[in-house]
Amino acid sequence: MQADVLRAPVGPGAMHVERYGHGGTAVILLHGFGTCNFLWRAIAPVITAAGHTAYSVDLLGHGQSDRPMDADFGIAAQAEYLDAAMTVLRVSRAVIVGVDFGGDVAMKLAANRPDRVEKLVLINTPAFDELPARDITQMQRRTARFAFSLTRGVMGAAPLLEGVLKGSVADPEHMPMKLVARYLAPFVGKDGANHLLTLASAVHRADLDEDEYPEIHAPTLIIWGDEDKWVDPKLADRLVNAIPDARLVRLAGVARLVPEENPEHLSELLLDFIKRRAAA
């Protein structure tokens, strides 16, 4: 299915958005750290085939979105950019689906702009003292050393990101080298590697205070791949207990990148969740 490619100005730059279909419920799909809207290539068409409109978004600084100098790429700022993008796209309210860091952006929007969020879906989203997740904290601790070594090499972000991507799936076959290369594409060369480090350094726990979780009143579905190596498996239970109207679905045999490892089951869960809202 061919998507409409859109650019949404959000202040410091423009966000790349791919829109699938028209009508029905608006569903905004947010990727996580180290990936981009390509993550949703198998999910968005299924949502559209069910009669809804899917928007797969590159967060600012990621994928094909702008990466303005000195912009804030943290959770709070990304939530503001998403709010602005929804205005540009003429989407007043949507089901927001976020993987990993994208889920944190979605939670921030739900807490601060509840009128924007019809429902919330969080997929392996770090929270509490697990925010940022271990893949990001490792980069943050080693940023200076990585930056120095990368300026002397030609591999770009590959030494940093390849391990994150392969560690985000339970089955290595779900992250072959050609797929790693596709996710590495926005981070080629020395500048790309430095930009990846900039994105990692922008993620701070203080951007999403624990007091904000109880302020999320949108019906929330938490989907958790139990093989996630970047956060404590008990985090899912803490999160479902912190958000007032939340329920948890655990998926065995998959890790953080559920859209890569089990897109069929994920699509079923999302469509059922949307349908429940419509029925209510």
Protein backbone atom coordinates (compact mmCIF):
# COMPACT_ATOMS: atom_id res chain seq x y z
CA MET A 1 0.00 0.00 0.00
CA GLN A 2 1.33 3.41 -1.00
CA ALA A 3 1.52 6.00 1.77
CA ASP A 4 1.08 9.75 1.48
CA VAL A 5 4.41 11.32 2.45
CA LEU A 6 3.96 14.48 4.51
CA ARG A 7 6.16 17.05 6.22
CA ALA A 8 4.86 18.60 9.45
CA PRO A 9 6.64 21.80 10.61
CA VAL A 10 6.95 21.70 14.40
CA GLY A 11 9.07 24.75 15.28
CA PRO A 12 12.77 23.92 15.11
CA GLY A 13 12.26 21.66 12.08
CA ALA A 14 9.85 19.39 10.23
CA MET A 15 8.78 15.85 11.00
CA HIS A 16 8.50 13.17 8.33
CA VAL A 17 5.10 11.45 8.41
CA GLU A 18 3.65 8.69 6.26
CA ARG A 19 -0.14 8.56 6.18
CA TYR A 20 -1.97 5.39 5.25
CA GLY A 21 -5.66 5.60 4.37
CA HIS A 22 -8.41 8.03 5.33
CA GLY A 23 -11.29 7.97 7.77
CA GLY A 24 -12.05 5.92 10.84
CA THR A 25 -9.86 6.28 13.92
CA ALA A 26 -6.56 8.14 13.67
CA VAL A 27 -3.71 5.93 14.89
CA ILE A 28 -0.27 7.51 15.39
CA LEU A 29 2.67 5.10 15.43
CA LEU A 30 5.88 6.11 17.21
CA HIS A 31 9.16 4.21 16.91
CA GLY A 32 11.80 3.93 19.63
CA PHE A 33 15.49 4.62 20.02
CA GLY A 34 17.69 3.63 17.09
CA THR A 35 14.80 2.94 14.71
CA CYS A 36 12.42 5.02 12.60
CA ASN A 37 8.96 4.82 11.07
CA PHE A 38 10.14 1.92 8.90
CA LEU A 39 9.40 -0.17 12.00
CA TRP A 40 5.67 0.09 11.21
CA ARG A 41 5.76 -1.04 7.57
CA ALA A 42 3.81 -4.26 8.30
CA ILE A 43 1.42 -2.69 10.83
CA ALA A 44 0.19 0.52 9.22
CA PRO A 45 -1.37 -1.14 6.12
CA VAL A 46 -3.30 -3.58 8.34
CA ILE A 47 -4.72 -0.70 10.38
CA THR A 48 -5.77 1.02 7.18
CA ALA A 49 -7.35 -2.13 5.75
CA ALA A 50 -9.56 -2.21 8.85
CA GLY A 51 -10.92 1.24 7.95
CA HIS A 52 -8.69 3.52 10.01
CA THR A 53 -5.98 6.08 9.24
CA ALA A 54 -2.42 5.25 10.29
CA TYR A 55 0.29 7.87 10.67
CA SER A 56 3.80 6.43 11.02
CA VAL A 57 6.02 9.20 12.31
CA ASP A 58 9.74 9.87 12.41
CA LEU A 59 10.36 11.71 15.67
CA LEU A 60 12.34 14.91 15.23
CA GLY A 61 16.01 14.11 14.73
CA HIS A 62 15.23 10.54 13.66
CA GLY A 63 14.76 8.85 10.31
CA GLN A 64 13.89 11.34 7.57
CA SER A 65 12.78 14.10 9.94
CA ASP A 66 14.94 17.21 10.31
CA ARG A 67 17.82 17.19 12.76
CA PRO A 68 18.25 20.90 13.56
CA MET A 69 21.36 22.04 15.36
CA ASP A 70 20.89 22.67 19.07
CA ALA A 71 17.31 21.33 19.10
CA ASP A 72 16.02 19.45 22.14
CA PHE A 73 15.40 15.79 21.30
CA GLY A 74 14.27 14.73 24.78
CA ILE A 75 10.95 13.21 25.82
CA ALA A 76 9.21 16.44 26.82
CA ALA A 77 10.30 18.26 23.67
CA GLN A 78 9.28 15.36 21.42
CA ALA A 79 5.81 15.37 23.01
CA GLU A 80 5.49 19.06 22.17
CA TYR A 81 6.63 18.42 18.60
CA LEU A 82 4.08 15.63 18.27
CA ASP A 83 1.34 17.93 19.56
CA ALA A 84 2.33 20.51 16.95
CA ALA A 85 2.46 17.86 14.21
CA MET A 86 -1.07 16.72 15.06
CA THR A 87 -2.26 20.28 14.58
CA VAL A 88 -0.55 20.48 11.18
CA LEU A 89 -2.01 17.10 10.18
CA ARG A 90 -5.46 18.18 11.40
CA VAL A 91 -5.66 15.28 13.82
CA SER A 92 -7.38 16.53 16.93
CA ARG A 93 -7.35 13.22 18.79
CA ALA A 94 -5.77 9.84 18.15
CA VAL A 95 -4.83 6.44 19.46
CA ILE A 96 -1.12 6.84 20.18
CA VAL A 97 1.08 3.75 19.92
CA GLY A 98 4.69 3.92 21.06
CA VAL A 99 7.56 1.44 21.22
CA ASP A 100 10.36 1.98 23.74
CA PHE A 101 11.27 5.70 23.84
CA GLY A 102 8.26 6.43 21.60
CA GLY A 103 6.05 5.14 24.40
CA ASP A 104 7.61 7.67 26.79
CA VAL A 105 6.78 10.46 24.34
CA ALA A 106 3.23 9.12 24.12
CA MET A 107 2.89 9.01 27.92
CA LYS A 108 4.14 12.58 28.22
CA LEU A 109 1.56 13.74 25.69
CA ALA A 110 -1.21 11.77 27.43
CA ALA A 111 -0.34 13.29 30.81
CA ASN A 112 0.00 16.88 29.60
CA ARG A 113 -2.50 16.99 26.73
CA PRO A 114 -5.19 14.42 27.56
CA ASP A 115 -7.48 15.92 24.92
CA ARG A 116 -5.07 14.63 22.26
CA VAL A 117 -5.03 10.98 23.32
CA GLU A 118 -8.07 8.79 22.72
CA LYS A 119 -6.21 5.67 23.79
CA LEU A 120 -2.64 4.76 24.56
CA VAL A 121 -0.61 1.70 23.61
CA LEU A 122 2.81 1.23 25.22
CA ILE A 123 5.14 -1.43 23.86
CA ASN A 124 8.16 -2.25 26.05
CA THR A 125 8.31 1.30 27.30
CA PRO A 126 10.97 2.12 29.93
CA ALA A 127 9.74 4.00 33.00
CA PHE A 128 10.57 4.86 36.62
CA ASP A 129 14.22 4.13 37.42
CA GLU A 130 14.48 2.11 34.19
CA LEU A 131 14.28 5.33 32.16
CA PRO A 132 16.45 5.63 30.15
CA ALA A 133 16.79 1.95 29.30
CA ARG A 134 20.18 0.26 29.52
CA ASP A 135 21.00 0.61 25.82
CA ILE A 136 20.83 4.39 26.13
CA THR A 137 22.54 4.64 29.51
CA GLN A 138 25.48 2.64 28.14
CA MET A 139 25.89 5.20 25.36
CA GLN A 140 25.50 8.11 27.76
CA ARG A 141 28.27 6.80 30.02
CA ARG A 142 30.64 6.25 27.12
CA THR A 143 29.76 9.20 24.90
CA ALA A 144 33.15 10.94 25.08
CA ARG A 145 35.10 7.75 24.33
CA PHE A 146 32.75 6.71 21.54
CA ALA A 147 32.82 10.15 19.94
CA PHE A 148 36.63 10.19 19.90
CA SER A 149 36.95 6.72 18.44
CA LEU A 150 34.26 7.31 15.83
CA THR A 151 36.00 10.42 14.48
CA ARG A 152 38.93 8.15 13.59
CA GLY A 153 36.89 5.53 11.79
CA VAL A 154 34.61 5.19 8.77
CA MET A 155 31.98 2.84 10.19
CA GLY A 156 29.64 5.59 11.32
CA ALA A 157 27.14 4.52 13.96
CA ALA A 158 27.44 0.81 13.20
CA PRO A 159 29.58 -0.04 16.26
CA LEU A 160 27.00 1.65 18.47
CA LEU A 161 23.68 0.77 16.92
CA GLU A 162 24.19 -2.74 15.59
CA GLY A 163 24.38 -4.19 19.09
CA VAL A 164 21.29 -2.25 20.20
CA LEU A 165 19.26 -3.52 17.26
CA LYS A 166 20.36 -7.13 17.58
CA GLY A 167 19.75 -6.98 21.30
CA SER A 168 16.20 -5.74 20.71
CA VAL A 169 14.96 -9.02 19.19
CA ALA A 170 14.77 -12.45 20.75
CA ASP A 171 15.40 -14.33 17.50
CA PRO A 172 18.50 -13.20 15.52
CA GLU A 173 16.70 -14.08 12.29
CA HIS A 174 14.39 -11.14 12.93
CA MET A 175 17.32 -8.70 12.69
CA PRO A 176 19.41 -9.79 9.68
CA MET A 177 22.24 -7.56 8.48
CA LYS A 178 20.17 -6.09 5.65
CA LEU A 179 17.63 -4.89 8.21
CA VAL A 180 20.40 -3.54 10.46
CA ALA A 181 21.71 -1.64 7.42
CA ARG A 182 18.26 -0.15 6.79
CA TYR A 183 18.04 1.21 10.33
CA LEU A 184 21.66 2.42 10.16
CA ALA A 185 20.98 4.44 6.99
CA PRO A 186 20.06 7.71 8.78
CA PHE A 187 23.30 7.52 10.80
CA VAL A 188 25.95 6.96 8.13
CA GLY A 189 29.34 8.63 8.47
CA LYS A 190 30.96 10.53 11.30
CA ASP A 191 28.15 13.08 11.59
CA GLY A 192 25.55 10.32 11.83
CA ALA A 193 27.37 8.63 14.67
CA ASN A 194 27.71 11.88 16.56
CA HIS A 195 24.04 12.57 16.01
CA LEU A 196 23.10 9.17 17.44
CA LEU A 197 25.09 10.04 20.54
CA THR A 198 23.28 13.38 20.70
CA LEU A 199 19.92 11.60 20.61
CA ALA A 200 21.00 9.25 23.38
CA SER A 201 22.27 12.08 25.57
CA ALA A 202 18.91 13.88 25.26
CA VAL A 203 16.91 11.17 27.06
CA HIS A 204 16.48 12.01 30.74
CA ARG A 205 14.35 10.48 33.47
CA ALA A 206 13.43 13.96 34.71
CA ASP A 207 11.43 14.58 31.52
CA LEU A 208 8.76 12.11 32.66
CA ASP A 209 8.12 12.42 36.37
CA GLU A 210 6.60 9.48 38.22
CA ASP A 211 3.81 11.77 39.43
CA GLU A 212 2.64 12.05 35.82
CA TYR A 213 1.79 8.36 35.39
CA PRO A 214 -1.40 8.58 37.54
CA GLU A 215 -2.38 11.63 35.45
CA ILE A 216 -2.76 9.42 32.38
CA HIS A 217 -6.49 8.73 32.19
CA ALA A 218 -6.71 7.44 28.62
CA PRO A 219 -7.47 3.71 28.39
CA THR A 220 -4.04 2.12 28.09
CA LEU A 221 -2.84 -1.18 26.67
CA ILE A 222 0.65 -2.24 27.73
CA ILE A 223 2.18 -4.84 25.43
CA TRP A 224 5.36 -6.45 26.70
CA GLY A 225 7.80 -8.70 24.88
CA ASP A 226 9.18 -10.78 27.75
CA GLU A 227 12.64 -11.28 26.20
CA ASP A 228 13.55 -7.57 26.46
CA LYS A 229 17.16 -7.37 27.68
CA TRP A 230 17.26 -3.60 28.12
CA VAL A 231 14.85 -3.24 31.07
CA ASP A 232 13.81 -5.26 34.11
CA PRO A 233 10.92 -7.64 33.24
CA LYS A 234 9.10 -6.53 36.40
CA LEU A 235 8.74 -3.04 34.95
CA ALA A 236 5.58 -3.98 33.04
CA ASP A 237 3.76 -4.78 36.29
CA ARG A 238 4.87 -1.54 37.89
CA LEU A 239 3.67 0.41 34.89
CA VAL A 240 0.25 -1.23 34.69
CA ASN A 241 -0.27 -0.50 38.39
CA ALA A 242 0.74 3.15 38.01
CA ILE A 243 -1.62 4.07 35.15
CA PRO A 244 -5.26 4.15 36.33
CA ASP A 245 -6.97 2.51 33.33
CA ALA A 246 -4.34 0.10 32.06
CA ARG A 247 -4.14 -3.58 31.24
CA LEU A 248 -1.14 -5.72 30.37
CA VAL A 249 -0.57 -8.30 27.64
CA ARG A 250 2.70 -10.22 27.82
CA LEU A 251 4.16 -11.83 24.71
CA ALA A 252 6.48 -14.78 25.09
CA GLY A 253 9.42 -15.32 22.77
CA VAL A 254 9.79 -11.74 21.57
CA ALA A 255 11.82 -8.80 22.80
CA ARG A 256 11.45 -5.02 22.50
CA LEU A 257 10.85 -4.78 18.75
CA VAL A 258 7.47 -6.50 18.72
CA PRO A 259 6.56 -4.95 15.32
CA GLU A 260 9.54 -6.78 13.81
CA GLU A 261 9.12 -10.09 15.60
CA ASN A 262 5.36 -10.60 15.68
CA PRO A 263 3.55 -8.00 13.53
CA GLU A 264 0.53 -10.25 12.99
CA HIS A 265 -0.28 -10.66 16.67
CA LEU A 266 0.48 -7.00 17.37
CA SER A 267 -1.89 -5.92 14.60
CA GLU A 268 -4.64 -8.09 16.09
CA LEU A 269 -4.10 -6.58 19.54
CA LEU A 270 -4.18 -3.03 18.19
CA LEU A 271 -7.32 -3.54 16.11
CA ASP A 272 -9.12 -5.21 19.00
CA PHE A 273 -8.16 -2.31 21.26
CA ILE A 274 -9.44 0.24 18.73
CA LYS A 275 -12.66 -1.73 18.31
CA ARG A 276 -13.26 -1.81 22.04
CA ARG A 277 -13.07 1.96 22.12
CA ALA A 278 -15.53 2.29 19.25
CA ALA A 279 -17.93 -0.12 20.89
CA ALA A 280 -17.74 1.76 24.18
